[in-house]
Protein backbone atom coordinates (compact mmCIF):
# COMPACT_ATOMS: atom_id res chain seq x y z
CA MET A 1 -16.99 -55.41 68.69
CA GLY A 2 -14.66 -52.70 66.69
CA LYS A 3 -14.93 -53.32 62.65
CA ILE A 4 -17.85 -55.05 60.54
CA ALA A 5 -18.53 -55.24 56.93
CA SER A 6 -21.26 -56.15 54.66
CA ILE A 7 -21.41 -57.51 51.27
CA ASP A 8 -24.54 -57.18 48.24
CA ILE A 9 -24.26 -60.13 46.04
CA GLY A 10 -26.94 -58.29 43.84
CA SER A 11 -27.97 -59.64 39.94
CA ASN A 12 -25.96 -56.76 38.80
CA THR A 13 -23.99 -55.03 41.21
CA LEU A 14 -21.57 -56.54 44.13
CA ARG A 15 -21.42 -54.05 46.76
CA PHE A 16 -19.01 -53.82 50.02
CA LEU A 17 -19.07 -51.77 53.31
CA ILE A 18 -17.06 -51.40 56.14
CA ALA A 19 -18.20 -49.49 59.17
CA GLU A 20 -17.24 -48.74 62.80
CA LYS A 21 -19.57 -48.52 66.04
CA ARG A 22 -19.33 -44.95 67.21
CA GLY A 23 -21.49 -44.10 70.00
CA GLU A 24 -25.50 -45.05 69.62
CA GLY A 25 -24.23 -45.13 65.42
CA PHE A 26 -21.97 -46.16 62.85
CA ARG A 27 -19.28 -44.56 61.38
CA LEU A 28 -18.27 -45.80 57.31
CA VAL A 29 -14.80 -46.66 57.18
CA PHE A 30 -14.87 -47.81 53.34
CA ARG A 31 -17.20 -48.60 50.51
CA ASP A 32 -16.54 -50.66 47.38
CA ARG A 33 -18.21 -51.89 44.58
CA GLU A 34 -18.26 -53.37 40.85
CA ILE A 35 -20.88 -54.49 38.05
CA VAL A 36 -20.57 -58.20 37.73
CA ARG A 37 -23.85 -59.04 36.23
CA LEU A 38 -24.78 -62.44 37.69
CA GLY A 39 -28.49 -62.09 36.28
CA GLY A 40 -27.02 -61.35 32.63
CA ASN A 41 -28.72 -63.74 30.23
CA PHE A 42 -29.82 -65.84 33.44
CA TYR A 43 -33.75 -66.92 31.88
CA PRO A 44 -34.82 -69.21 30.65
CA HIS A 45 -33.06 -71.35 32.37
CA ARG A 46 -32.23 -70.05 35.88
CA LEU A 47 -28.30 -70.27 35.73
CA LEU A 48 -25.98 -67.83 36.46
CA SER A 49 -23.07 -68.31 34.02
CA ALA A 50 -19.34 -69.67 34.53
CA GLN A 51 -18.03 -66.31 33.21
CA ALA A 52 -19.86 -63.88 35.79
CA MET A 53 -19.34 -66.49 38.88
CA GLU A 54 -15.47 -66.29 37.83
CA ALA A 55 -15.81 -62.58 37.83
CA ALA A 56 -17.58 -62.46 41.07
CA VAL A 57 -15.39 -64.71 43.20
CA LYS A 58 -12.92 -62.62 42.24
CA VAL A 59 -14.35 -59.78 43.45
CA LEU A 60 -15.28 -60.94 46.56
CA GLY A 61 -11.57 -62.12 47.08
CA ARG A 62 -10.76 -58.58 46.48
CA PHE A 63 -13.25 -57.46 49.05
CA LYS A 64 -12.22 -60.09 51.73
CA ILE A 65 -8.65 -59.06 51.53
CA ARG A 66 -9.72 -55.46 52.52
CA ALA A 67 -11.56 -56.50 55.47
CA GLU A 68 -8.62 -58.40 56.78
CA GLN A 69 -6.36 -55.09 55.98
CA GLU A 70 -8.82 -52.98 57.74
CA GLY A 71 -9.11 -55.44 61.12
CA VAL A 72 -12.95 -56.31 60.31
CA SER A 73 -14.55 -58.73 63.46
CA ARG A 74 -17.03 -60.02 61.12
CA ILE A 75 -18.52 -60.28 57.76
CA ILE A 76 -22.19 -60.26 56.45
CA ALA A 77 -22.78 -61.74 52.91
CA ALA A 78 -25.80 -61.69 51.51
CA GLY A 79 -27.27 -63.09 47.93
CA THR A 80 -30.28 -61.29 46.22
CA GLY A 81 -32.57 -61.08 43.02
CA VAL A 82 -31.18 -63.84 40.96
CA LEU A 83 -29.43 -65.65 43.71
CA ARG A 84 -32.87 -66.45 44.94
CA GLU A 85 -33.75 -68.53 42.10
CA ALA A 86 -30.52 -69.93 40.23
CA GLU A 87 -30.86 -73.80 39.82
CA ASN A 88 -26.89 -73.56 40.49
CA ILE A 89 -26.33 -71.78 43.64
CA SER A 90 -25.33 -74.46 45.81
CA PHE A 91 -22.37 -74.59 43.44
CA PHE A 92 -21.78 -70.66 43.31
CA LEU A 93 -22.01 -70.72 47.11
CA GLU A 94 -20.05 -73.43 47.86
CA ARG A 95 -17.19 -72.22 45.62
CA VAL A 96 -17.17 -68.66 47.52
CA ASP A 97 -16.79 -69.92 50.85
CA ARG A 98 -13.90 -72.51 49.56
CA GLU A 99 -11.79 -69.81 47.43
CA THR A 100 -12.64 -66.13 49.57
CA GLY A 101 -13.91 -67.88 52.99
CA VAL A 102 -17.18 -65.69 52.62
CA SER A 103 -20.03 -67.35 53.84
CA VAL A 104 -23.45 -65.80 51.78
CA LYS A 105 -26.67 -65.98 53.38
CA ILE A 106 -29.55 -65.92 50.36
CA LEU A 107 -32.23 -63.60 51.36
CA LYS A 108 -35.65 -64.03 50.85
CA GLY A 109 -37.53 -60.99 49.18
CA PRO A 110 -39.84 -60.22 51.95
CA GLU A 111 -36.65 -59.74 54.42
CA GLU A 112 -34.24 -58.25 51.60
CA ALA A 113 -36.98 -55.41 52.03
CA ARG A 114 -37.17 -55.59 55.57
CA ILE A 115 -33.59 -55.22 55.83
CA MET A 116 -33.58 -52.73 53.16
CA ALA A 117 -35.44 -50.24 54.97
CA LYS A 118 -33.47 -50.54 57.58
CA GLY A 119 -30.74 -48.92 55.76
CA VAL A 120 -33.00 -46.65 54.63
CA PHE A 121 -34.12 -45.18 58.01
CA SER A 122 -30.30 -44.82 58.68
CA VAL A 123 -31.11 -41.54 56.17
CA PHE A 124 -34.60 -40.95 57.20
CA PRO A 125 -35.20 -41.47 60.34
CA SER A 126 -38.47 -39.80 60.60
CA THR A 127 -41.46 -41.29 59.21
CA PHE A 128 -44.85 -39.91 59.45
CA GLY A 129 -48.34 -40.84 57.62
CA LYS A 130 -48.10 -43.82 54.66
CA THR A 131 -44.56 -43.83 53.13
CA ILE A 132 -43.54 -46.44 49.87
CA ILE A 133 -39.68 -47.45 50.19
CA PHE A 134 -38.48 -49.82 46.66
CA ASP A 135 -35.20 -50.61 45.81
CA VAL A 136 -34.71 -51.10 42.18
CA GLY A 137 -32.50 -53.98 41.58
CA GLY A 138 -31.03 -56.53 38.72
CA GLY A 139 -33.38 -59.13 38.97
CA SER A 140 -35.90 -58.12 41.20
CA THR A 141 -37.75 -54.77 42.93
CA GLU A 142 -38.73 -55.01 46.01
CA PHE A 143 -41.22 -52.35 48.04
CA VAL A 144 -41.38 -51.43 51.62
CA VAL A 145 -45.25 -50.11 53.12
CA VAL A 146 -44.33 -48.19 56.23
CA ASN A 147 -47.01 -46.55 58.52
CA ASP A 148 -45.57 -44.08 60.85
CA GLY A 149 -42.51 -45.56 61.37
CA GLN A 150 -43.69 -49.20 61.62
CA ILE A 151 -42.65 -50.96 58.81
CA GLY A 152 -45.74 -53.04 57.27
CA ARG A 153 -46.16 -55.27 54.25
CA ARG A 154 -43.12 -56.10 52.14
CA THR A 155 -43.01 -57.21 48.76
CA SER A 156 -40.44 -58.54 46.11
CA LEU A 157 -41.64 -58.70 42.82
CA PRO A 158 -40.19 -59.72 39.37
CA LEU A 159 -39.39 -56.68 38.28
CA GLY A 160 -35.32 -56.06 37.71
CA VAL A 161 -33.65 -53.75 35.49
CA VAL A 162 -31.23 -56.81 33.96
CA GLY A 163 -34.46 -58.76 32.88
CA LEU A 164 -36.56 -56.21 31.78
CA THR A 165 -33.57 -55.19 29.77
CA GLU A 166 -33.23 -58.63 27.77
CA ARG A 167 -36.74 -59.16 27.54
CA PHE A 168 -38.23 -56.06 26.04
CA LEU A 169 -35.38 -53.44 25.28
CA ARG A 170 -33.27 -55.51 22.55
CA SER A 171 -32.41 -52.69 20.15
CA ASN A 172 -30.26 -50.38 20.69
CA PRO A 173 -31.08 -47.68 20.99
CA PRO A 174 -34.73 -48.91 22.00
CA THR A 175 -37.75 -48.78 19.54
CA LYS A 176 -40.60 -47.08 20.95
CA ASN A 177 -43.16 -50.39 20.89
CA GLU A 178 -40.20 -52.09 22.57
CA ALA A 179 -40.55 -49.05 25.51
CA ASP A 180 -44.17 -49.29 25.84
CA SER A 181 -44.27 -53.35 26.47
CA LEU A 182 -41.97 -52.69 28.85
CA LYS A 183 -44.42 -50.09 30.81
CA VAL A 184 -47.26 -52.16 30.32
CA HIS A 185 -45.36 -55.03 31.41
CA CYS A 186 -44.74 -53.23 34.70
CA GLN A 187 -47.81 -51.54 35.27
CA ASN A 188 -49.25 -55.49 35.08
CA ILE A 189 -47.08 -56.52 37.34
CA LEU A 190 -47.73 -53.25 39.97
CA LYS A 191 -51.69 -53.71 39.99
CA LYS A 192 -51.61 -57.32 40.04
CA ASN A 193 -49.21 -57.42 43.33
CA LEU A 194 -49.99 -53.79 45.27
CA PRO A 195 -52.52 -52.37 46.77
CA LYS A 196 -53.07 -48.69 45.46
CA ASN A 197 -53.26 -45.99 47.26
CA ASP A 198 -52.93 -42.64 46.15
CA LYS A 199 -52.84 -40.65 49.79
CA ILE A 200 -49.07 -41.66 50.62
CA ASN A 201 -46.83 -38.83 51.92
CA ARG A 202 -43.56 -39.72 50.33
CA LEU A 203 -41.91 -42.20 48.16
CA ILE A 204 -38.26 -43.11 48.71
CA GLY A 205 -36.06 -44.70 46.43
CA THR A 206 -32.79 -46.73 46.51
CA ALA A 207 -30.16 -48.74 45.27
CA GLY A 208 -28.06 -48.46 41.73
CA THR A 209 -30.37 -47.36 39.47
CA ILE A 210 -31.74 -44.49 41.49
CA THR A 211 -28.84 -43.13 42.62
CA THR A 212 -27.12 -42.99 39.51
CA LEU A 213 -30.23 -41.05 38.20
CA ALA A 214 -29.94 -38.41 41.09
CA ALA A 215 -25.94 -38.36 40.41
CA MET A 216 -27.49 -37.80 36.53
CA ALA A 217 -29.42 -34.68 38.15
CA LYS A 218 -26.28 -33.18 39.94
CA ASN A 219 -24.09 -33.69 37.01
CA LEU A 220 -21.80 -35.46 39.51
CA CYS A 221 -18.29 -36.76 38.03
CA ASP A 222 -17.22 -38.70 41.39
CA TYR A 223 -19.79 -40.24 43.20
CA ASP A 224 -20.63 -38.89 46.91
CA PRO A 225 -23.14 -40.31 48.69
CA GLU A 226 -23.42 -37.04 50.69
CA LYS A 227 -24.78 -35.55 48.14
CA ILE A 228 -26.56 -38.37 46.78
CA ASN A 229 -28.59 -39.24 49.72
CA LYS A 230 -31.88 -36.79 49.96
CA THR A 231 -31.78 -35.81 46.47
CA VAL A 232 -35.64 -35.05 45.32
CA LEU A 233 -35.88 -36.39 41.59
CA THR A 234 -39.40 -35.16 39.86
CA LYS A 235 -41.03 -36.78 37.78
CA GLU A 236 -41.09 -34.21 35.15
CA TYR A 237 -37.21 -34.03 35.06
CA LEU A 238 -37.43 -37.99 34.98
CA ILE A 239 -39.05 -37.58 31.95
CA GLU A 240 -37.42 -35.40 29.98
CA LEU A 241 -34.30 -37.59 31.02
CA SER A 242 -35.87 -40.84 30.29
CA LYS A 243 -36.40 -39.28 26.53
CA LYS A 244 -32.96 -38.45 26.18
CA ILE A 245 -31.52 -41.56 27.35
CA LEU A 246 -33.81 -43.31 24.82
CA ALA A 247 -32.60 -41.52 22.02
CA LEU A 248 -29.31 -42.79 23.03
CA SER A 249 -27.33 -46.09 22.13
CA PHE A 250 -25.19 -47.72 24.84
CA ASN A 251 -22.16 -45.51 23.83
CA GLN A 252 -23.75 -42.26 23.47
CA ARG A 253 -25.35 -42.83 26.59
CA ALA A 254 -21.40 -44.07 28.45
CA GLU A 255 -20.98 -40.67 27.91
CA LEU A 256 -23.71 -38.50 30.00
CA THR A 257 -22.25 -37.39 33.34
CA GLY A 258 -23.06 -38.94 36.22
CA LEU A 259 -24.00 -42.60 34.79
CA GLU A 260 -21.53 -45.46 36.46
CA THR A 261 -19.77 -47.16 34.40
CA GLY A 262 -21.55 -50.42 33.02
CA ARG A 263 -25.15 -48.94 33.65
CA ALA A 264 -25.38 -47.72 29.80
CA ASP A 265 -27.78 -50.44 28.49
CA ILE A 266 -29.92 -51.15 31.71
CA ILE A 267 -30.80 -47.48 32.61
CA ALA A 268 -33.46 -46.88 30.15
CA ALA A 269 -35.20 -49.98 31.75
CA GLY A 270 -34.10 -48.58 35.08
CA ILE A 271 -35.91 -45.08 34.35
CA LEU A 272 -38.86 -46.23 32.62
CA LEU A 273 -39.99 -48.77 35.57
CA VAL A 274 -39.20 -45.88 37.99
CA LEU A 275 -41.58 -43.68 36.02
CA GLU A 276 -44.25 -46.42 36.13
CA VAL A 277 -43.81 -46.81 39.74
CA MET A 278 -44.13 -43.22 40.48
CA ASP A 279 -47.39 -43.11 38.09
CA TYR A 280 -49.05 -46.26 40.21
CA PHE A 281 -48.90 -44.10 43.42
CA SER A 282 -49.73 -40.71 41.83
CA GLN A 283 -46.44 -39.13 43.17
CA GLU A 284 -45.14 -36.36 41.37
CA SER A 285 -41.26 -36.98 43.19
CA LEU A 286 -39.39 -39.21 45.02
CA LEU A 287 -36.82 -38.78 47.63
CA VAL A 288 -33.25 -40.69 46.95
CA SER A 289 -31.18 -42.65 50.02
CA ASP A 290 -27.60 -44.11 49.05
CA ALA A 291 -27.97 -45.74 52.10
CA GLY A 292 -30.09 -49.58 51.61
CA LEU A 293 -29.46 -52.98 52.11
CA LEU A 294 -25.66 -53.30 53.27
CA GLU A 295 -26.23 -50.53 55.71
CA GLY A 296 -29.42 -52.64 56.86
CA LEU A 297 -27.31 -55.43 57.39
CA ILE A 298 -25.30 -53.63 59.70
CA LEU A 299 -27.96 -52.44 61.80
CA GLU A 300 -29.47 -55.55 61.61
CA THR A 301 -26.60 -57.33 63.24
CA ARG A 302 -27.34 -55.24 66.41
CA PHE A 303 -23.85 -53.67 65.49
CA VAL A 304 -25.26 -50.46 66.40
CA ALA A 305 -27.95 -51.15 69.38
CA GLY A 306 -30.05 -48.13 70.26
CA TYR A 307 -30.05 -46.90 66.93
CA GLY A 308 -33.68 -45.53 67.59
CA LEU A 309 -35.17 -47.45 64.48
CA ARG A 310 -38.60 -49.10 64.90
CA VAL A 311 -39.30 -51.75 62.84
């Protein structure tokens, strides 16, 4: 089949991956990403803004050109987060198809969670006991329960860092009351939708918020997925980092080593959400996977047959 590409059109970031079959696995050829924030100012009208759609189309056009240059035989593009709710989604998808030639499938929350877990398994192929995998996005957060390598319950919750920031953290920097309100809201959503089990063996996190926290923990000036994969983030470290982040303005945060450009305003909501998830599942640490939905989309195509994923 040669090369194949996957695109994740999220509420905050558009991500792009080109892979090539290599034996029973795949080799990463190229990756790119850009923060567009399709989920910005989305509520209460549930509309993608004209400015965000324009930016997204330009980025997708750039991805398509690179895919053609690399001789990609197939592009799989998936929409997630607020795209599931957008009242003007048909207009956006028709424009993307017309102007870029990229056909986009909107993934339902549980489907996104399942495919994301496949990608995480490419970094953590061996799972034992009970594992919780979660993906913190701009418009939602997906949770997957894995029992001895088998995917179980999949849940998508309306806990996205863009929405949480706009709803709760309106000051710059946020006030203590704002942060406390966000934390209470997160706990209420978790308690209402996820069965609590304190006896999980490990917690694995993926997507931009968590990989950014890992990059900050390692003081990475240049992002490197290989240095991110399997990073251990302790609750103790994240609590101290959250205090630092919450005390800084957006401009001051932007100077922190490892913080991706464009995340200065939403990283506070992100780290608070991650800490609430750790509290909810009584975990003192979490493992980080750079791989997630993009890699899962590649594997979902059976492009890599017999990769050993138990799903």
